[in-house]
N, C-alpha and C. Protein backbone atom coordinates (compact mmCIF):
# COMPACT_ATOMS: atom_id res chain seq x y z
N UNK A 1 0.07 -59.30 98.25
CA UNK A 1 1.15 -59.50 99.19
C UNK A 1 2.37 -58.71 98.72
N UNK A 2 3.10 -58.21 99.70
CA UNK A 2 4.30 -57.45 99.41
C UNK A 2 5.52 -58.17 99.98
N UNK A 3 6.67 -57.85 99.43
CA UNK A 3 7.93 -58.43 99.91
C UNK A 3 8.59 -57.45 100.87
N UNK A 4 9.03 -57.98 102.02
CA UNK A 4 9.68 -57.18 103.04
C UNK A 4 10.98 -57.84 103.46
N UNK A 5 11.85 -57.01 104.03
CA UNK A 5 13.08 -57.51 104.64
C UNK A 5 13.20 -56.84 105.99
N UNK A 6 13.51 -57.63 107.00
CA UNK A 6 13.72 -57.07 108.33
C UNK A 6 15.07 -57.53 108.84
N UNK A 7 15.85 -56.56 109.32
CA UNK A 7 17.13 -56.87 109.94
C UNK A 7 16.98 -56.63 111.44
N UNK A 8 17.34 -57.63 112.21
CA UNK A 8 17.22 -57.56 113.66
C UNK A 8 18.60 -57.56 114.30
N UNK A 9 18.83 -56.66 115.24
CA UNK A 9 20.02 -56.69 116.09
C UNK A 9 19.53 -57.20 117.44
N UNK A 10 20.02 -58.37 117.83
CA UNK A 10 19.48 -59.09 118.99
C UNK A 10 20.54 -59.15 120.10
N UNK A 11 20.07 -59.19 121.33
CA UNK A 11 20.94 -59.29 122.50
C UNK A 11 21.99 -60.39 122.30
N UNK A 12 23.29 -60.06 122.41
CA UNK A 12 24.34 -61.04 122.13
C UNK A 12 24.51 -62.09 123.22
N UNK A 13 23.87 -61.91 124.36
CA UNK A 13 24.00 -62.86 125.45
C UNK A 13 23.01 -64.02 125.35
N UNK A 14 22.16 -64.01 124.32
CA UNK A 14 21.19 -65.09 124.15
C UNK A 14 21.87 -66.37 123.71
N UNK A 15 21.35 -67.48 124.20
CA UNK A 15 21.82 -68.78 123.75
C UNK A 15 21.08 -69.15 122.47
N UNK A 16 21.57 -70.16 121.77
CA UNK A 16 20.97 -70.57 120.50
C UNK A 16 19.50 -70.94 120.65
N UNK A 17 19.16 -71.60 121.75
CA UNK A 17 17.78 -72.01 121.97
C UNK A 17 16.86 -70.80 122.11
N UNK A 18 17.31 -69.78 122.85
CA UNK A 18 16.53 -68.57 123.03
C UNK A 18 16.39 -67.79 121.72
N UNK A 19 17.48 -67.75 120.95
CA UNK A 19 17.45 -67.07 119.65
C UNK A 19 16.46 -67.75 118.71
N UNK A 20 16.50 -69.08 118.68
CA UNK A 20 15.57 -69.83 117.83
C UNK A 20 14.12 -69.62 118.26
N UNK A 21 13.86 -69.53 119.57
CA UNK A 21 12.48 -69.31 120.03
C UNK A 21 12.00 -67.92 119.63
N UNK A 22 12.88 -66.92 119.67
CA UNK A 22 12.51 -65.57 119.24
C UNK A 22 12.19 -65.55 117.75
N UNK A 23 13.03 -66.19 116.94
CA UNK A 23 12.80 -66.23 115.50
C UNK A 23 11.53 -67.01 115.17
N UNK A 24 11.29 -68.10 115.89
CA UNK A 24 10.07 -68.88 115.67
C UNK A 24 8.83 -68.06 115.99
N UNK A 25 8.91 -67.24 117.03
CA UNK A 25 7.79 -66.37 117.41
C UNK A 25 7.46 -65.40 116.28
N UNK A 26 8.49 -64.78 115.70
CA UNK A 26 8.29 -63.82 114.61
C UNK A 26 7.81 -64.52 113.34
N UNK A 27 8.39 -65.68 113.04
CA UNK A 27 7.98 -66.44 111.86
C UNK A 27 6.53 -66.90 111.98
N UNK A 28 6.13 -67.31 113.18
CA UNK A 28 4.75 -67.75 113.41
C UNK A 28 3.77 -66.60 113.19
N UNK A 29 4.14 -65.42 113.63
CA UNK A 29 3.30 -64.24 113.44
C UNK A 29 3.08 -63.98 111.95
N UNK A 30 4.14 -64.13 111.17
CA UNK A 30 4.06 -63.91 109.72
C UNK A 30 3.24 -65.01 109.04
N UNK A 31 3.52 -66.26 109.37
CA UNK A 31 2.81 -67.37 108.72
C UNK A 31 1.35 -67.45 109.14
N UNK A 32 1.03 -67.03 110.36
CA UNK A 32 -0.37 -67.02 110.79
C UNK A 32 -1.20 -66.01 110.01
N UNK A 33 -0.53 -64.99 109.47
CA UNK A 33 -1.21 -63.97 108.65
C UNK A 33 -1.17 -64.36 107.17
N UNK A 34 -0.98 -65.65 106.90
CA UNK A 34 -0.93 -66.18 105.53
C UNK A 34 0.24 -65.63 104.73
N UNK A 35 1.32 -65.33 105.42
CA UNK A 35 2.55 -64.88 104.76
C UNK A 35 3.50 -66.05 104.60
N UNK A 36 4.60 -65.79 103.93
CA UNK A 36 5.61 -66.83 103.75
C UNK A 36 7.00 -66.26 103.97
N UNK A 37 7.84 -67.05 104.64
CA UNK A 37 9.23 -66.68 104.86
C UNK A 37 10.00 -67.15 103.64
N UNK A 38 10.67 -66.24 102.93
CA UNK A 38 11.40 -66.63 101.73
C UNK A 38 12.88 -66.90 102.02
N UNK A 39 13.42 -66.24 103.05
CA UNK A 39 14.85 -66.43 103.35
C UNK A 39 15.13 -66.03 104.78
N UNK A 40 15.96 -66.81 105.46
CA UNK A 40 16.43 -66.49 106.80
C UNK A 40 17.96 -66.53 106.76
N UNK A 41 18.58 -65.45 107.16
CA UNK A 41 20.04 -65.36 107.09
C UNK A 41 20.56 -64.92 108.45
N UNK A 42 21.22 -65.84 109.16
CA UNK A 42 21.82 -65.51 110.46
C UNK A 42 23.26 -65.07 110.23
N UNK A 43 23.53 -63.81 110.51
CA UNK A 43 24.88 -63.28 110.32
C UNK A 43 25.79 -63.59 111.49
N UNK A 44 25.21 -63.85 112.64
CA UNK A 44 26.01 -64.13 113.82
C UNK A 44 26.31 -62.86 114.61
N UNK A 45 27.25 -62.99 115.53
CA UNK A 45 27.59 -61.88 116.42
C UNK A 45 28.54 -60.91 115.73
N UNK A 46 28.18 -59.63 115.74
CA UNK A 46 29.00 -58.58 115.13
C UNK A 46 29.16 -57.42 116.11
N UNK A 47 30.23 -56.69 115.94
CA UNK A 47 30.48 -55.50 116.75
C UNK A 47 29.63 -54.34 116.22
N UNK A 48 28.99 -53.62 117.14
CA UNK A 48 28.18 -52.47 116.76
C UNK A 48 29.07 -51.26 116.50
N UNK A 49 28.64 -50.38 115.63
CA UNK A 49 29.41 -49.16 115.34
C UNK A 49 29.42 -48.23 116.54
N UNK A 50 28.35 -48.26 117.32
CA UNK A 50 28.27 -47.47 118.55
C UNK A 50 27.41 -48.23 119.55
N UNK A 51 27.53 -47.87 120.80
CA UNK A 51 26.82 -48.57 121.86
C UNK A 51 25.32 -48.30 121.81
N UNK A 52 24.54 -49.38 121.89
CA UNK A 52 23.09 -49.29 121.90
C UNK A 52 22.59 -50.04 123.12
N UNK A 53 21.88 -49.34 124.00
CA UNK A 53 21.32 -49.95 125.22
C UNK A 53 22.39 -50.71 126.01
N UNK A 54 23.57 -50.14 126.14
CA UNK A 54 24.71 -50.71 126.87
C UNK A 54 25.30 -51.96 126.21
N UNK A 55 24.99 -52.19 124.94
CA UNK A 55 25.57 -53.32 124.21
C UNK A 55 26.58 -52.80 123.19
N UNK A 56 27.70 -53.50 123.06
CA UNK A 56 28.69 -53.15 122.04
C UNK A 56 28.70 -54.19 120.92
N UNK A 57 28.00 -55.31 121.13
CA UNK A 57 27.87 -56.37 120.12
C UNK A 57 26.40 -56.75 120.00
N UNK A 58 26.06 -57.37 118.88
CA UNK A 58 24.69 -57.87 118.68
C UNK A 58 24.73 -59.05 117.73
N UNK A 59 23.72 -59.89 117.83
CA UNK A 59 23.53 -60.99 116.88
C UNK A 59 22.62 -60.45 115.78
N UNK A 60 23.08 -60.52 114.54
CA UNK A 60 22.30 -60.01 113.42
C UNK A 60 21.57 -61.15 112.71
N UNK A 61 20.30 -60.91 112.40
CA UNK A 61 19.49 -61.85 111.65
C UNK A 61 18.69 -61.06 110.61
N UNK A 62 18.67 -61.56 109.37
CA UNK A 62 17.90 -60.93 108.30
C UNK A 62 16.82 -61.91 107.84
N UNK A 63 15.56 -61.43 107.86
CA UNK A 63 14.44 -62.24 107.40
C UNK A 63 13.83 -61.58 106.16
N UNK A 64 13.65 -62.35 105.11
CA UNK A 64 12.92 -61.90 103.93
C UNK A 64 11.59 -62.65 103.93
N UNK A 65 10.51 -61.91 103.70
CA UNK A 65 9.20 -62.54 103.74
C UNK A 65 8.20 -61.78 102.89
N UNK A 66 7.13 -62.48 102.53
CA UNK A 66 6.00 -61.90 101.80
C UNK A 66 4.79 -61.98 102.71
N UNK A 67 4.10 -60.83 102.84
CA UNK A 67 2.94 -60.79 103.71
C UNK A 67 2.07 -59.60 103.31
N UNK A 68 0.80 -59.66 103.70
CA UNK A 68 -0.11 -58.55 103.46
C UNK A 68 0.31 -57.38 104.35
N UNK A 69 0.20 -56.17 103.83
CA UNK A 69 0.68 -54.99 104.56
C UNK A 69 -0.09 -54.71 105.84
N UNK A 70 -1.25 -55.32 106.02
CA UNK A 70 -2.06 -55.08 107.21
C UNK A 70 -1.42 -55.63 108.48
N UNK A 71 -0.57 -56.64 108.35
CA UNK A 71 0.05 -57.27 109.52
C UNK A 71 1.33 -56.55 109.97
N UNK A 72 1.84 -55.65 109.17
CA UNK A 72 3.11 -54.98 109.47
C UNK A 72 3.05 -54.19 110.77
N UNK A 73 1.96 -53.49 111.03
CA UNK A 73 1.83 -52.72 112.27
C UNK A 73 1.90 -53.65 113.50
N UNK A 74 1.25 -54.80 113.41
CA UNK A 74 1.28 -55.76 114.51
C UNK A 74 2.68 -56.35 114.68
N UNK A 75 3.36 -56.65 113.58
CA UNK A 75 4.72 -57.17 113.63
C UNK A 75 5.66 -56.17 114.30
N UNK A 76 5.56 -54.91 113.92
CA UNK A 76 6.41 -53.89 114.54
C UNK A 76 6.08 -53.72 116.02
N UNK A 77 4.81 -53.81 116.39
CA UNK A 77 4.42 -53.69 117.79
C UNK A 77 5.05 -54.81 118.63
N UNK A 78 4.99 -56.03 118.10
CA UNK A 78 5.56 -57.18 118.81
C UNK A 78 7.07 -57.02 118.96
N UNK A 79 7.74 -56.57 117.91
CA UNK A 79 9.19 -56.40 117.96
C UNK A 79 9.59 -55.30 118.95
N UNK A 80 8.85 -54.20 118.96
CA UNK A 80 9.15 -53.11 119.89
C UNK A 80 8.98 -53.54 121.35
N UNK A 81 8.04 -54.43 121.62
CA UNK A 81 7.82 -54.91 122.98
C UNK A 81 8.81 -56.00 123.39
N UNK A 82 9.47 -56.59 122.42
CA UNK A 82 10.40 -57.69 122.68
C UNK A 82 11.73 -57.13 123.21
N UNK A 83 12.05 -57.46 124.46
CA UNK A 83 13.26 -56.93 125.09
C UNK A 83 14.55 -57.51 124.51
N UNK A 84 14.47 -58.68 123.89
CA UNK A 84 15.68 -59.30 123.34
C UNK A 84 16.14 -58.64 122.06
N UNK A 85 15.28 -57.86 121.41
CA UNK A 85 15.65 -57.16 120.17
C UNK A 85 16.18 -55.77 120.55
N UNK A 86 17.43 -55.51 120.20
CA UNK A 86 18.06 -54.22 120.51
C UNK A 86 17.59 -53.16 119.52
N UNK A 87 17.60 -53.51 118.24
CA UNK A 87 17.22 -52.57 117.19
C UNK A 87 16.75 -53.38 115.99
N UNK A 88 15.89 -52.78 115.16
CA UNK A 88 15.43 -53.46 113.95
C UNK A 88 15.26 -52.44 112.83
N UNK A 89 15.28 -52.94 111.61
CA UNK A 89 15.01 -52.11 110.43
C UNK A 89 14.16 -52.93 109.47
N UNK A 90 12.98 -52.43 109.18
CA UNK A 90 12.04 -53.10 108.28
C UNK A 90 11.95 -52.31 106.99
N UNK A 91 12.19 -52.97 105.86
CA UNK A 91 12.13 -52.29 104.57
C UNK A 91 11.23 -53.05 103.61
N UNK A 92 10.57 -52.30 102.75
CA UNK A 92 9.74 -52.85 101.68
C UNK A 92 10.65 -53.08 100.48
N UNK A 93 10.58 -54.28 99.91
CA UNK A 93 11.42 -54.62 98.76
C UNK A 93 10.65 -54.39 97.47
N UNK A 94 11.16 -53.50 96.64
CA UNK A 94 10.53 -53.23 95.35
C UNK A 94 11.11 -54.14 94.29
N UNK A 95 10.25 -54.65 93.44
CA UNK A 95 10.70 -55.46 92.31
C UNK A 95 10.73 -54.57 91.08
N UNK A 96 11.87 -54.55 90.42
CA UNK A 96 12.00 -53.72 89.23
C UNK A 96 11.26 -54.36 88.07
N UNK A 97 10.53 -53.55 87.34
CA UNK A 97 9.82 -54.05 86.17
C UNK A 97 10.73 -53.86 84.97
N UNK A 98 10.95 -54.95 84.28
CA UNK A 98 11.82 -54.91 83.10
C UNK A 98 10.92 -54.91 81.86
N UNK A 99 11.12 -53.93 81.05
CA UNK A 99 10.32 -53.83 79.83
C UNK A 99 11.22 -54.13 78.64
N UNK A 100 10.69 -54.94 77.76
CA UNK A 100 11.43 -55.25 76.53
C UNK A 100 11.12 -54.19 75.50
N UNK A 101 12.16 -53.59 74.96
CA UNK A 101 11.97 -52.56 73.93
C UNK A 101 12.46 -53.13 72.60
N UNK A 102 11.57 -53.09 71.64
CA UNK A 102 11.94 -53.54 70.30
C UNK A 102 12.48 -52.36 69.53
N UNK A 103 13.65 -52.55 68.94
CA UNK A 103 14.27 -51.45 68.18
C UNK A 103 14.05 -51.62 66.71
């Protein structure tokens, strides 16, 4: 399993109930693939640096999760088809290996 982080810019006109249903849909996709959500961070509504799809604001959400890399293509496909997501960025999180050096 690998560690990933995804940042979602979501339609700012969504109500809390709709936002929660979208996040639950994505979390279910990850957990159904035997992955685990390690952190969910809702940043709230922020102003965009430039207009995207006629939006000047977006709701930002950051999800950290561990999952097998085979499910990533399906996750991206679902997000691209989701009209409520304006933009997303998925990154692989590398863990630094610390080596002890004896002097």
